[in-house]
Amino acid sequence: MKICKENLELLDKIYIHDFWLNDLNYNNLMGTLTINFLSDRKEFRNKSFVFEDIIYLEYNNVNFWGGDGIPFDCVVIDENYTKFNELKNKLEENEICPSKLQGDVIELCFSNLSGGEIRIICRSIIYNEYENR
């Protein structure tokens, strides 16, 4: 399923609270980030997100509480104050406006209980589910 600005509400229906981050893979050449979330509960299918046309990526890993850092949450960032707007304002102050900053974007943040975050600004997301093994 492809998620973009027009159907962003689909993210609200994707449950990842009882999942843990298995891996993330950033492909600089393709401008994509792939994140896989796994669950050991049979009633859930594993989740895969491919973020396309990455504009901004920030990752911090906090293992303050130890363990695997579940549960996870995904929050779509409020459009009134975003990292994207902050970046655009900085560039506009220097009279720079790259084409990457034109058009609609999705800004969201995955966070876990221990304080780790993955903040992403992209154009679209490919979402898939696959069976637990």
C-alpha atoms as a PDB file:
ATOM      1  CA  MET A   1       0.000   0.000   0.000  1.00  0.00           C
ATOM      2  CA  LYS A   2       1.346   3.418  -0.945  1.00  0.00           C
ATOM      3  CA  ILE A   3       0.840   6.275   1.529  1.00  0.00           C
ATOM      4  CA  CYS A   4       1.251   9.905   0.532  1.00  0.00           C
ATOM      5  CA  LYS A   5       0.000  13.268   1.766  1.00  0.00           C
ATOM      6  CA  GLU A   6      -3.494  12.682   0.341  1.00  0.00           C
ATOM      7  CA  ASN A   7      -4.130   9.438   2.271  1.00  0.00           C
ATOM      8  CA  LEU A   8      -1.970  10.064   5.345  1.00  0.00           C
ATOM      9  CA  GLU A   9      -4.813   9.024   7.663  1.00  0.00           C
ATOM     10  CA  LEU A  10      -4.009   5.395   6.749  1.00  0.00           C
ATOM     11  CA  LEU A  11      -1.019   5.603   9.107  1.00  0.00           C
ATOM     12  CA  ASP A  12      -3.452   5.926  12.035  1.00  0.00           C
ATOM     13  CA  LYS A  13      -4.760   2.427  11.285  1.00  0.00           C
ATOM     14  CA  ILE A  14      -1.321   0.753  11.406  1.00  0.00           C
ATOM     15  CA  TYR A  15      -0.674  -0.771  14.825  1.00  0.00           C
ATOM     16  CA  ILE A  16       2.982  -1.020  15.884  1.00  0.00           C
ATOM     17  CA  HIS A  17       2.707  -0.568  19.658  1.00  0.00           C
ATOM     18  CA  ASP A  18       3.685  -4.178  20.513  1.00  0.00           C
ATOM     19  CA  PHE A  19       6.438  -4.367  17.890  1.00  0.00           C
ATOM     20  CA  TRP A  20      10.163  -3.893  18.073  1.00  0.00           C
ATOM     21  CA  LEU A  21      12.550  -2.377  15.589  1.00  0.00           C
ATOM     22  CA  ASN A  22      14.308  -5.201  13.780  1.00  0.00           C
ATOM     23  CA  ASP A  23      16.365  -3.264  11.245  1.00  0.00           C
ATOM     24  CA  LEU A  24      16.617  -0.080   9.286  1.00  0.00           C
ATOM     25  CA  ASN A  25      18.465   0.382   6.031  1.00  0.00           C
ATOM     26  CA  TYR A  26      19.171   3.745   4.428  1.00  0.00           C
ATOM     27  CA  ASN A  27      20.048   3.737   0.736  1.00  0.00           C
ATOM     28  CA  ASN A  28      21.617   7.109  -0.023  1.00  0.00           C
ATOM     29  CA  LEU A  29      21.827   6.469  -3.767  1.00  0.00           C
ATOM     30  CA  MET A  30      18.109   5.665  -4.045  1.00  0.00           C
ATOM     31  CA  GLY A  31      17.009   8.106  -1.325  1.00  0.00           C
ATOM     32  CA  THR A  32      15.036   5.408   0.514  1.00  0.00           C
ATOM     33  CA  LEU A  33      14.828   4.147   4.071  1.00  0.00           C
ATOM     34  CA  THR A  34      13.472   0.690   4.897  1.00  0.00           C
ATOM     35  CA  ILE A  35      12.318  -0.085   8.445  1.00  0.00           C
ATOM     36  CA  ASN A  36      11.071  -3.481   9.604  1.00  0.00           C
ATOM     37  CA  PHE A  37       9.097  -3.984  12.807  1.00  0.00           C
ATOM     38  CA  LEU A  38       8.626  -7.478  14.222  1.00  0.00           C
ATOM     39  CA  SER A  39       6.193  -8.992  16.682  1.00  0.00           C
ATOM     40  CA  ASP A  40       6.410 -12.341  18.423  1.00  0.00           C
ATOM     41  CA  ARG A  41       2.632 -12.424  18.827  1.00  0.00           C
ATOM     42  CA  LYS A  42       0.902 -14.657  16.289  1.00  0.00           C
ATOM     43  CA  GLU A  43      -2.132 -12.381  15.974  1.00  0.00           C
ATOM     44  CA  PHE A  44       0.057  -9.653  14.413  1.00  0.00           C
ATOM     45  CA  ARG A  45       1.813  -9.607  11.076  1.00  0.00           C
ATOM     46  CA  ASN A  46       5.269  -8.059  10.819  1.00  0.00           C
ATOM     47  CA  LYS A  47       5.425  -4.568   9.314  1.00  0.00           C
ATOM     48  CA  SER A  48       7.679  -3.086   6.654  1.00  0.00           C
ATOM     49  CA  PHE A  49       7.904   0.607   5.746  1.00  0.00           C
ATOM     50  CA  VAL A  50       9.850   1.919   2.755  1.00  0.00           C
ATOM     51  CA  PHE A  51      10.145   5.695   2.874  1.00  0.00           C
ATOM     52  CA  GLU A  52      10.682   7.118  -0.595  1.00  0.00           C
ATOM     53  CA  ASP A  53      12.432  10.316  -1.644  1.00  0.00           C
ATOM     54  CA  ILE A  54      13.943  11.027   1.781  1.00  0.00           C
ATOM     55  CA  ILE A  55      14.467  14.729   2.457  1.00  0.00           C
ATOM     56  CA  TYR A  56      15.494  14.473   6.107  1.00  0.00           C
ATOM     57  CA  LEU A  57      16.409  11.614   8.436  1.00  0.00           C
ATOM     58  CA  GLU A  58      17.317  11.805  12.105  1.00  0.00           C
ATOM     59  CA  TYR A  59      17.934   8.759  14.281  1.00  0.00           C
ATOM     60  CA  ASN A  60      18.889   8.491  17.913  1.00  0.00           C
ATOM     61  CA  ASN A  61      19.036   5.316  19.901  1.00  0.00           C
ATOM     62  CA  VAL A  62      18.544   5.515  23.649  1.00  0.00           C
ATOM     63  CA  ASN A  63      18.910   2.334  25.691  1.00  0.00           C
ATOM     64  CA  PHE A  64      18.296   4.032  29.017  1.00  0.00           C
ATOM     65  CA  TRP A  65      15.811   1.397  30.153  1.00  0.00           C
ATOM     66  CA  GLY A  66      17.683  -1.463  28.524  1.00  0.00           C
ATOM     67  CA  GLY A  67      15.889  -4.267  26.759  1.00  0.00           C
ATOM     68  CA  ASP A  68      14.551  -4.033  23.234  1.00  0.00           C
ATOM     69  CA  GLY A  69      12.874  -0.634  23.428  1.00  0.00           C
ATOM     70  CA  ILE A  70       9.278  -1.649  22.801  1.00  0.00           C
ATOM     71  CA  PRO A  71       6.638  -0.355  22.637  1.00  0.00           C
ATOM     72  CA  PHE A  72       6.871   1.835  19.544  1.00  0.00           C
ATOM     73  CA  ASP A  73       4.580   4.638  18.493  1.00  0.00           C
ATOM     74  CA  CYS A  74       4.281   6.503  15.206  1.00  0.00           C
ATOM     75  CA  VAL A  75       3.228  10.130  15.254  1.00  0.00           C
ATOM     76  CA  VAL A  76       2.566  12.307  12.230  1.00  0.00           C
ATOM     77  CA  ILE A  77       4.056  15.702  13.014  1.00  0.00           C
ATOM     78  CA  ASP A  78       1.749  18.732  13.194  1.00  0.00           C
ATOM     79  CA  GLU A  79       2.134  20.874  10.077  1.00  0.00           C
ATOM     80  CA  ASN A  80       2.292  24.125  12.082  1.00  0.00           C
ATOM     81  CA  TYR A  81       5.765  23.445  13.466  1.00  0.00           C
ATOM     82  CA  THR A  82       7.890  20.890  11.734  1.00  0.00           C
ATOM     83  CA  LYS A  83      11.539  20.178  11.076  1.00  0.00           C
ATOM     84  CA  PHE A  84      10.706  20.657   7.397  1.00  0.00           C
ATOM     85  CA  ASN A  85       9.523  24.235   7.996  1.00  0.00           C
ATOM     86  CA  GLU A  86      12.621  24.894  10.104  1.00  0.00           C
ATOM     87  CA  LEU A  87      14.896  23.669   7.296  1.00  0.00           C
ATOM     88  CA  LYS A  88      13.014  25.704   4.668  1.00  0.00           C
ATOM     89  CA  ASN A  89      13.260  28.867   6.776  1.00  0.00           C
ATOM     90  CA  LYS A  90      17.019  28.449   7.261  1.00  0.00           C
ATOM     91  CA  LEU A  91      17.568  27.984   3.550  1.00  0.00           C
ATOM     92  CA  GLU A  92      15.295  30.866   2.579  1.00  0.00           C
ATOM     93  CA  GLU A  93      17.256  33.151   4.937  1.00  0.00           C
ATOM     94  CA  ASN A  94      20.308  32.325   2.815  1.00  0.00           C
ATOM     95  CA  GLU A  95      18.264  32.738  -0.386  1.00  0.00           C
ATOM     96  CA  ILE A  96      18.588  29.061  -1.229  1.00  0.00           C
ATOM     97  CA  CYS A  97      15.512  27.075  -2.275  1.00  0.00           C
ATOM     98  CA  PRO A  98      16.380  23.639  -3.637  1.00  0.00           C
ATOM     99  CA  SER A  99      13.729  21.764  -5.615  1.00  0.00           C
ATOM    100  CA  LYS A 100      13.627  19.125  -2.834  1.00  0.00           C
ATOM    101  CA  LEU A 101      11.757  21.635  -0.694  1.00  0.00           C
ATOM    102  CA  GLN A 102       8.924  22.084  -3.204  1.00  0.00           C
ATOM    103  CA  GLY A 103       5.711  20.084  -3.035  1.00  0.00           C
ATOM    104  CA  ASP A 104       3.974  17.977  -0.397  1.00  0.00           C
ATOM    105  CA  VAL A 105       5.894  16.028   2.208  1.00  0.00           C
ATOM    106  CA  ILE A 106       5.146  13.619   5.039  1.00  0.00           C
ATOM    107  CA  GLU A 107       6.899  14.248   8.332  1.00  0.00           C
ATOM    108  CA  LEU A 108       6.629  11.650  11.058  1.00  0.00           C
ATOM    109  CA  CYS A 109       8.416  10.315  14.080  1.00  0.00           C
ATOM    110  CA  PHE A 110       8.710   6.771  15.395  1.00  0.00           C
ATOM    111  CA  SER A 111       9.587   6.700  19.088  1.00  0.00           C
ATOM    112  CA  ASN A 112      10.054   3.983  21.644  1.00  0.00           C
ATOM    113  CA  LEU A 113       9.711   3.733  25.415  1.00  0.00           C
ATOM    114  CA  SER A 114      13.415   4.250  26.073  1.00  0.00           C
ATOM    115  CA  GLY A 115      13.455   7.600  24.256  1.00  0.00           C
ATOM    116  CA  GLY A 116      14.869   6.544  20.896  1.00  0.00           C
ATOM    117  CA  GLU A 117      13.444   8.317  17.851  1.00  0.00           C
ATOM    118  CA  ILE A 118      13.481   8.062  14.098  1.00  0.00           C
ATOM    119  CA  ARG A 119      12.328  11.339  12.488  1.00  0.00           C
ATOM    120  CA  ILE A 120      11.665  11.203   8.752  1.00  0.00           C
ATOM    121  CA  ILE A 121      10.622  13.698   6.095  1.00  0.00           C
ATOM    122  CA  CYS A 122       9.780  12.035   2.774  1.00  0.00           C
ATOM    123  CA  ARG A 123       7.397  12.186  -0.184  1.00  0.00           C
ATOM    124  CA  SER A 124       5.703   8.790   0.169  1.00  0.00           C
ATOM    125  CA  ILE A 125       5.707   5.493   2.078  1.00  0.00           C
ATOM    126  CA  ILE A 126       5.287   1.939   0.833  1.00  0.00           C
ATOM    127  CA  TYR A 127       3.735  -0.162   3.611  1.00  0.00           C
ATOM    128  CA  ASN A 128       3.589  -3.959   3.668  1.00  0.00           C
ATOM    129  CA  GLU A 129       2.779  -6.694   6.161  1.00  0.00           C
ATOM    130  CA  TYR A 130       4.271 -10.168   6.144  1.00  0.00           C
ATOM    131  CA  GLU A 131       3.863 -13.356   8.152  1.00  0.00           C
ATOM    132  CA  ASN A 132       5.673 -14.055  11.428  1.00  0.00           C
ATOM    133  CA  ARG A 133       7.976 -17.046  11.318  1.00  0.00           C
END
